[in-house]
Amino acid sequence: MADLLGSILSSMQKPPSLGDQETRRRAREQAARLKKLQEQDKQQKVEFRKRMEKEVSDFIQDSGQIKKKFQPMNKIERSILHDVVEVAGLTSFSFGEDDDCRYVMIFKKEFAPSDEELDSYRHGEEWDPQKAEEKRKLKELAQRQEEEAAQQGPVVVSPTSDYKDKYSHLIGKGAAKDAAHVLQAMNEIRAKKRLRQSKEELPPTS
């Protein structure tokens, strides 16, 4: 009988020592702190979303605003804002190189940004419609010059000063100077291309 009682007692789990009790207490406290932090994080996200919904709603109702730039946010905040914007039927983009410096810009659908405008923001530049219009004019002038040159045959490279004087009243002296360099380079490339083609067309020498 004594042997049976001894075997039963030995198979039973020993009462926890003081060390085990302390470990369990710390584990419970840690779990409670973690749960509290999770609840706080959840509440902060809810409050942040409500704040963004309010700002987006104010933006929609303001007829004088076509776009809005927000302060830099972390990845989670940007994700929440993008979701709010999508639900509201607007357009949004994130810009900035470093994650800590990335920010969100939102646009009303009818004023969605052009590719040129987006490129400006991606390069950290402010969008300047006047500067964009100058670039557009330069591009059209360059294309027109190229078409005229193709119709006239061999291109004679004209001095850059002539181009600047000719178009400075349309697009400004600074822009015309830049365009002159571009056209000069294009003319040189076309001249080299024609020279290469003329060599290829020559009959082979025996």
C-alpha atoms as a PDB file:
ATOM      1  CA  MET A   1       0.000   0.000   0.000  1.00  0.00           C
ATOM      2  CA  ALA A   2       2.834   2.359   0.863  1.00  0.00           C
ATOM      3  CA  ASP A   3       4.513   1.623  -2.437  1.00  0.00           C
ATOM      4  CA  LEU A   4       1.265   2.393  -4.322  1.00  0.00           C
ATOM      5  CA  LEU A   5       0.798   5.692  -2.495  1.00  0.00           C
ATOM      6  CA  GLY A   6       4.394   6.628  -3.145  1.00  0.00           C
ATOM      7  CA  SER A   7       4.090   5.967  -6.871  1.00  0.00           C
ATOM      8  CA  ILE A   8       0.930   8.088  -7.068  1.00  0.00           C
ATOM      9  CA  LEU A   9       2.534  11.014  -5.258  1.00  0.00           C
ATOM     10  CA  SER A  10       5.635  10.836  -7.399  1.00  0.00           C
ATOM     11  CA  SER A  11       3.573  10.918 -10.618  1.00  0.00           C
ATOM     12  CA  MET A  12       1.686  14.033  -9.526  1.00  0.00           C
ATOM     13  CA  GLN A  13       2.987  17.422 -10.695  1.00  0.00           C
ATOM     14  CA  LYS A  14       5.036  19.147  -8.089  1.00  0.00           C
ATOM     15  CA  PRO A  15       3.707  22.487  -6.827  1.00  0.00           C
ATOM     16  CA  PRO A  16       5.341  25.385  -8.626  1.00  0.00           C
ATOM     17  CA  SER A  17       8.394  26.807  -6.957  1.00  0.00           C
ATOM     18  CA  LEU A  18       8.732  30.495  -6.179  1.00  0.00           C
ATOM     19  CA  GLY A  19      10.802  30.905  -9.335  1.00  0.00           C
ATOM     20  CA  ASP A  20       8.087  29.365 -11.525  1.00  0.00           C
ATOM     21  CA  GLN A  21       5.436  31.555  -9.956  1.00  0.00           C
ATOM     22  CA  GLU A  22       7.489  34.701 -10.666  1.00  0.00           C
ATOM     23  CA  THR A  23       8.001  33.651 -14.268  1.00  0.00           C
ATOM     24  CA  ARG A  24       4.262  33.101 -14.756  1.00  0.00           C
ATOM     25  CA  ARG A  25       3.451  36.429 -13.137  1.00  0.00           C
ATOM     26  CA  ARG A  26       5.835  38.234 -15.460  1.00  0.00           C
ATOM     27  CA  ALA A  27       4.403  36.408 -18.470  1.00  0.00           C
ATOM     28  CA  ARG A  28       0.873  37.468 -17.459  1.00  0.00           C
ATOM     29  CA  GLU A  29       1.990  41.082 -17.034  1.00  0.00           C
ATOM     30  CA  GLN A  30       3.758  41.062 -20.387  1.00  0.00           C
ATOM     31  CA  ALA A  31       0.675  39.615 -22.092  1.00  0.00           C
ATOM     32  CA  ALA A  32      -1.492  42.281 -20.454  1.00  0.00           C
ATOM     33  CA  ARG A  33       0.877  45.057 -21.591  1.00  0.00           C
ATOM     34  CA  LEU A  34       0.943  43.660 -25.128  1.00  0.00           C
ATOM     35  CA  LYS A  35      -2.849  43.514 -25.239  1.00  0.00           C
ATOM     36  CA  LYS A  36      -3.063  47.088 -23.986  1.00  0.00           C
ATOM     37  CA  LEU A  37      -0.594  48.283 -26.625  1.00  0.00           C
ATOM     38  CA  GLN A  38      -2.536  46.495 -29.361  1.00  0.00           C
ATOM     39  CA  GLU A  39      -5.753  48.127 -28.200  1.00  0.00           C
ATOM     40  CA  GLN A  40      -4.072  51.546 -28.122  1.00  0.00           C
ATOM     41  CA  ASP A  41      -2.653  51.001 -31.627  1.00  0.00           C
ATOM     42  CA  LYS A  42      -6.073  49.977 -32.898  1.00  0.00           C
ATOM     43  CA  GLN A  43      -7.685  53.019 -31.311  1.00  0.00           C
ATOM     44  CA  GLN A  44      -5.039  55.330 -32.801  1.00  0.00           C
ATOM     45  CA  LYS A  45      -5.723  53.922 -36.277  1.00  0.00           C
ATOM     46  CA  VAL A  46      -9.461  54.434 -35.813  1.00  0.00           C
ATOM     47  CA  GLU A  47      -8.913  58.038 -34.708  1.00  0.00           C
ATOM     48  CA  PHE A  48      -6.451  58.678 -37.556  1.00  0.00           C
ATOM     49  CA  ARG A  49      -8.933  57.342 -40.111  1.00  0.00           C
ATOM     50  CA  LYS A  50     -11.699  59.572 -38.711  1.00  0.00           C
ATOM     51  CA  ARG A  51      -9.374  62.574 -38.940  1.00  0.00           C
ATOM     52  CA  MET A  52      -8.463  61.754 -42.548  1.00  0.00           C
ATOM     53  CA  GLU A  53     -12.120  61.243 -43.450  1.00  0.00           C
ATOM     54  CA  LYS A  54     -12.844  64.719 -42.053  1.00  0.00           C
ATOM     55  CA  GLU A  55      -9.981  66.329 -44.005  1.00  0.00           C
ATOM     56  CA  VAL A  56     -10.947  64.563 -47.233  1.00  0.00           C
ATOM     57  CA  SER A  57     -14.588  65.569 -46.758  1.00  0.00           C
ATOM     58  CA  ASP A  58     -13.579  69.213 -46.229  1.00  0.00           C
ATOM     59  CA  PHE A  59     -11.400  69.021 -49.341  1.00  0.00           C
ATOM     60  CA  ILE A  60     -14.282  67.710 -51.464  1.00  0.00           C
ATOM     61  CA  GLN A  61     -16.605  70.471 -50.277  1.00  0.00           C
ATOM     62  CA  ASP A  62     -14.043  73.215 -50.951  1.00  0.00           C
ATOM     63  CA  SER A  63     -14.629  74.168 -54.592  1.00  0.00           C
ATOM     64  CA  GLY A  64     -11.482  76.297 -54.570  1.00  0.00           C
ATOM     65  CA  GLN A  65      -9.201  73.295 -54.025  1.00  0.00           C
ATOM     66  CA  ILE A  66      -8.319  70.861 -56.793  1.00  0.00           C
ATOM     67  CA  LYS A  67      -5.472  69.090 -54.950  1.00  0.00           C
ATOM     68  CA  LYS A  68      -4.171  68.710 -51.409  1.00  0.00           C
ATOM     69  CA  LYS A  69      -0.736  67.780 -50.102  1.00  0.00           C
ATOM     70  CA  PHE A  70      -0.510  66.007 -46.738  1.00  0.00           C
ATOM     71  CA  GLN A  71       2.378  65.972 -44.286  1.00  0.00           C
ATOM     72  CA  PRO A  72       4.804  62.994 -44.454  1.00  0.00           C
ATOM     73  CA  MET A  73       3.327  59.811 -42.973  1.00  0.00           C
ATOM     74  CA  ASN A  74       4.431  56.295 -42.214  1.00  0.00           C
ATOM     75  CA  LYS A  75       3.442  53.373 -44.427  1.00  0.00           C
ATOM     76  CA  ILE A  76       0.378  52.361 -42.393  1.00  0.00           C
ATOM     77  CA  GLU A  77      -0.989  55.920 -42.268  1.00  0.00           C
ATOM     78  CA  ARG A  78      -0.494  56.341 -46.014  1.00  0.00           C
ATOM     79  CA  SER A  79      -2.326  53.075 -46.601  1.00  0.00           C
ATOM     80  CA  ILE A  80      -5.264  54.266 -44.477  1.00  0.00           C
ATOM     81  CA  LEU A  81      -5.380  57.610 -46.302  1.00  0.00           C
ATOM     82  CA  HIS A  82      -5.270  55.946 -49.741  1.00  0.00           C
ATOM     83  CA  ASP A  83      -8.201  53.767 -48.691  1.00  0.00           C
ATOM     84  CA  VAL A  84     -10.201  56.775 -47.461  1.00  0.00           C
ATOM     85  CA  VAL A  85      -9.496  58.615 -50.724  1.00  0.00           C
ATOM     86  CA  GLU A  86     -10.537  55.639 -52.847  1.00  0.00           C
ATOM     87  CA  VAL A  87     -13.817  55.291 -50.943  1.00  0.00           C
ATOM     88  CA  ALA A  88     -14.439  59.029 -51.458  1.00  0.00           C
ATOM     89  CA  GLY A  89     -13.962  58.663 -55.228  1.00  0.00           C
ATOM     90  CA  LEU A  90     -10.785  60.727 -55.472  1.00  0.00           C
ATOM     91  CA  THR A  91      -7.289  60.068 -56.818  1.00  0.00           C
ATOM     92  CA  SER A  92      -4.177  59.830 -54.650  1.00  0.00           C
ATOM     93  CA  PHE A  93      -0.428  59.349 -55.131  1.00  0.00           C
ATOM     94  CA  SER A  94       2.550  58.957 -52.794  1.00  0.00           C
ATOM     95  CA  PHE A  95       5.769  60.866 -53.442  1.00  0.00           C
ATOM     96  CA  GLY A  96       9.185  61.061 -51.781  1.00  0.00           C
ATOM     97  CA  GLU A  97      12.318  58.947 -51.756  1.00  0.00           C
ATOM     98  CA  ASP A  98      12.792  57.959 -48.108  1.00  0.00           C
ATOM     99  CA  ASP A  99       9.986  56.105 -46.359  1.00  0.00           C
ATOM    100  CA  ASP A 100       9.976  58.600 -43.479  1.00  0.00           C
ATOM    101  CA  CYS A 101       9.640  61.525 -45.896  1.00  0.00           C
ATOM    102  CA  ARG A 102       6.982  60.093 -48.218  1.00  0.00           C
ATOM    103  CA  TYR A 103       3.775  62.056 -48.396  1.00  0.00           C
ATOM    104  CA  VAL A 104       0.391  61.737 -50.085  1.00  0.00           C
ATOM    105  CA  MET A 105      -1.230  64.120 -52.552  1.00  0.00           C
ATOM    106  CA  ILE A 106      -4.905  63.809 -53.406  1.00  0.00           C
ATOM    107  CA  PHE A 107      -6.697  65.168 -56.466  1.00  0.00           C
ATOM    108  CA  LYS A 108     -10.289  65.593 -57.475  1.00  0.00           C
ATOM    109  CA  LYS A 109     -11.160  63.234 -60.332  1.00  0.00           C
ATOM    110  CA  GLU A 110     -11.872  66.023 -62.805  1.00  0.00           C
ATOM    111  CA  PHE A 111      -8.441  67.539 -62.071  1.00  0.00           C
ATOM    112  CA  ALA A 112      -6.358  64.363 -62.218  1.00  0.00           C
ATOM    113  CA  PRO A 113      -2.655  65.218 -62.781  1.00  0.00           C
ATOM    114  CA  SER A 114      -0.961  64.790 -66.138  1.00  0.00           C
ATOM    115  CA  ASP A 115       2.117  62.603 -66.597  1.00  0.00           C
ATOM    116  CA  GLU A 116       4.271  65.753 -66.720  1.00  0.00           C
ATOM    117  CA  GLU A 117       2.842  66.959 -63.412  1.00  0.00           C
ATOM    118  CA  LEU A 118       3.442  63.577 -61.766  1.00  0.00           C
ATOM    119  CA  ASP A 119       7.035  63.559 -63.042  1.00  0.00           C
ATOM    120  CA  SER A 120       7.615  66.940 -61.410  1.00  0.00           C
ATOM    121  CA  TYR A 121       6.412  65.663 -58.036  1.00  0.00           C
ATOM    122  CA  ARG A 122       8.460  62.464 -58.382  1.00  0.00           C
ATOM    123  CA  HIS A 123      11.580  64.581 -58.929  1.00  0.00           C
ATOM    124  CA  GLY A 124      10.799  66.677 -55.862  1.00  0.00           C
ATOM    125  CA  GLU A 125       9.824  69.712 -57.933  1.00  0.00           C
ATOM    126  CA  GLU A 126       6.829  71.981 -57.637  1.00  0.00           C
ATOM    127  CA  TRP A 127       4.454  71.815 -60.589  1.00  0.00           C
ATOM    128  CA  ASP A 128       4.744  74.958 -62.719  1.00  0.00           C
ATOM    129  CA  PRO A 129       2.095  75.113 -65.488  1.00  0.00           C
ATOM    130  CA  GLN A 130       3.881  78.017 -67.179  1.00  0.00           C
ATOM    131  CA  LYS A 131       7.170  76.135 -67.311  1.00  0.00           C
ATOM    132  CA  ALA A 132       5.342  73.068 -68.625  1.00  0.00           C
ATOM    133  CA  GLU A 133       3.768  75.183 -71.359  1.00  0.00           C
ATOM    134  CA  GLU A 134       7.198  76.466 -72.357  1.00  0.00           C
ATOM    135  CA  LYS A 135       8.492  72.911 -72.591  1.00  0.00           C
ATOM    136  CA  ARG A 136       5.498  71.961 -74.722  1.00  0.00           C
ATOM    137  CA  LYS A 137       6.190  74.848 -77.101  1.00  0.00           C
ATOM    138  CA  LEU A 138       9.853  73.853 -77.299  1.00  0.00           C
ATOM    139  CA  LYS A 139       8.884  70.303 -78.136  1.00  0.00           C
ATOM    140  CA  GLU A 140       6.502  71.455 -80.854  1.00  0.00           C
ATOM    141  CA  LEU A 141       9.119  73.798 -82.313  1.00  0.00           C
ATOM    142  CA  ALA A 142      11.742  71.066 -82.324  1.00  0.00           C
ATOM    143  CA  GLN A 143       9.334  68.670 -84.029  1.00  0.00           C
ATOM    144  CA  ARG A 144       8.392  71.293 -86.609  1.00  0.00           C
ATOM    145  CA  GLN A 145      12.061  72.026 -87.306  1.00  0.00           C
ATOM    146  CA  GLU A 146      12.749  68.337 -87.774  1.00  0.00           C
ATOM    147  CA  GLU A 147       9.845  67.934 -90.185  1.00  0.00           C
ATOM    148  CA  GLU A 148      10.973  70.981 -92.197  1.00  0.00           C
ATOM    149  CA  ALA A 149      14.532  69.704 -92.280  1.00  0.00           C
ATOM    150  CA  ALA A 150      13.365  66.304 -93.534  1.00  0.00           C
ATOM    151  CA  GLN A 151      11.474  67.958 -96.378  1.00  0.00           C
ATOM    152  CA  GLN A 152      14.314  70.299 -97.326  1.00  0.00           C
ATOM    153  CA  GLY A 153      17.003  67.626 -97.487  1.00  0.00           C
ATOM    154  CA  PRO A 154      20.496  68.101 -96.004  1.00  0.00           C
ATOM    155  CA  VAL A 155      20.486  70.091 -92.818  1.00  0.00           C
ATOM    156  CA  VAL A 156      22.664  73.136 -92.419  1.00  0.00           C
ATOM    157  CA  VAL A 157      23.482  73.662 -88.789  1.00  0.00           C
ATOM    158  CA  SER A 158      22.573  77.259 -87.987  1.00  0.00           C
ATOM    159  CA  PRO A 159      24.123  79.242 -85.133  1.00  0.00           C
ATOM    160  CA  THR A 160      22.336  78.880 -81.831  1.00  0.00           C
ATOM    161  CA  SER A 161      22.030  82.658 -81.526  1.00  0.00           C
ATOM    162  CA  ASP A 162      19.720  82.761 -84.559  1.00  0.00           C
ATOM    163  CA  TYR A 163      17.340  80.314 -82.919  1.00  0.00           C
ATOM    164  CA  LYS A 164      17.370  82.215 -79.645  1.00  0.00           C
ATOM    165  CA  ASP A 165      16.614  85.515 -81.387  1.00  0.00           C
ATOM    166  CA  LYS A 166      13.897  83.954 -83.505  1.00  0.00           C
ATOM    167  CA  TYR A 167      11.899  82.335 -80.714  1.00  0.00           C
ATOM    168  CA  SER A 168      12.871  84.249 -77.561  1.00  0.00           C
ATOM    169  CA  HIS A 169       9.753  86.424 -77.787  1.00  0.00           C
ATOM    170  CA  LEU A 170       7.578  83.277 -77.726  1.00  0.00           C
ATOM    171  CA  ILE A 171       9.110  81.155 -75.011  1.00  0.00           C
ATOM    172  CA  GLY A 172      11.612  83.348 -73.182  1.00  0.00           C
ATOM    173  CA  LYS A 173      15.361  83.698 -73.637  1.00  0.00           C
ATOM    174  CA  GLY A 174      16.334  80.998 -71.142  1.00  0.00           C
ATOM    175  CA  ALA A 175      14.026  78.404 -72.660  1.00  0.00           C
ATOM    176  CA  ALA A 176      15.061  79.355 -76.196  1.00  0.00           C
ATOM    177  CA  LYS A 177      18.719  78.922 -75.282  1.00  0.00           C
ATOM    178  CA  ASP A 178      18.055  75.408 -73.979  1.00  0.00           C
ATOM    179  CA  ALA A 179      16.086  74.558 -77.099  1.00  0.00           C
ATOM    180  CA  ALA A 180      18.917  75.841 -79.293  1.00  0.00           C
ATOM    181  CA  HIS A 181      21.343  73.390 -77.724  1.00  0.00           C
ATOM    182  CA  VAL A 182      18.852  70.559 -78.172  1.00  0.00           C
ATOM    183  CA  LEU A 183      18.228  71.370 -81.826  1.00  0.00           C
ATOM    184  CA  GLN A 184      21.911  71.766 -82.551  1.00  0.00           C
ATOM    185  CA  ALA A 185      22.574  68.312 -81.135  1.00  0.00           C
ATOM    186  CA  MET A 186      19.672  66.861 -83.133  1.00  0.00           C
ATOM    187  CA  ASN A 187      20.945  68.482 -86.333  1.00  0.00           C
ATOM    188  CA  GLU A 188      24.410  67.032 -85.791  1.00  0.00           C
ATOM    189  CA  ILE A 189      22.939  63.572 -85.230  1.00  0.00           C
ATOM    190  CA  ARG A 190      20.868  63.816 -88.415  1.00  0.00           C
ATOM    191  CA  ALA A 191      23.891  65.000 -90.396  1.00  0.00           C
ATOM    192  CA  LYS A 192      25.954  62.041 -89.169  1.00  0.00           C
ATOM    193  CA  LYS A 193      23.087  59.676 -89.964  1.00  0.00           C
ATOM    194  CA  ARG A 194      22.803  60.966 -93.535  1.00  0.00           C
ATOM    195  CA  LEU A 195      26.572  60.716 -93.980  1.00  0.00           C
ATOM    196  CA  ARG A 196      26.509  57.102 -92.811  1.00  0.00           C
ATOM    197  CA  GLN A 197      23.591  56.279 -95.134  1.00  0.00           C
ATOM    198  CA  SER A 198      25.350  57.866 -98.114  1.00  0.00           C
ATOM    199  CA  LYS A 199      28.441  55.739 -97.415  1.00  0.00           C
ATOM    200  CA  GLU A 200      26.343  52.593 -97.233  1.00  0.00           C
ATOM    201  CA  GLU A 201      24.752  53.393-100.600  1.00  0.00           C
ATOM    202  CA  LEU A 202      28.124  53.732-102.405  1.00  0.00           C
ATOM    203  CA  PRO A 203      28.974  50.712-104.646  1.00  0.00           C
ATOM    204  CA  PRO A 204      31.735  48.531-103.269  1.00  0.00           C
ATOM    205  CA  THR A 205      35.196  49.104-104.759  1.00  0.00           C
ATOM    206  CA  SER A 206      36.861  46.131-106.442  1.00  0.00           C
END
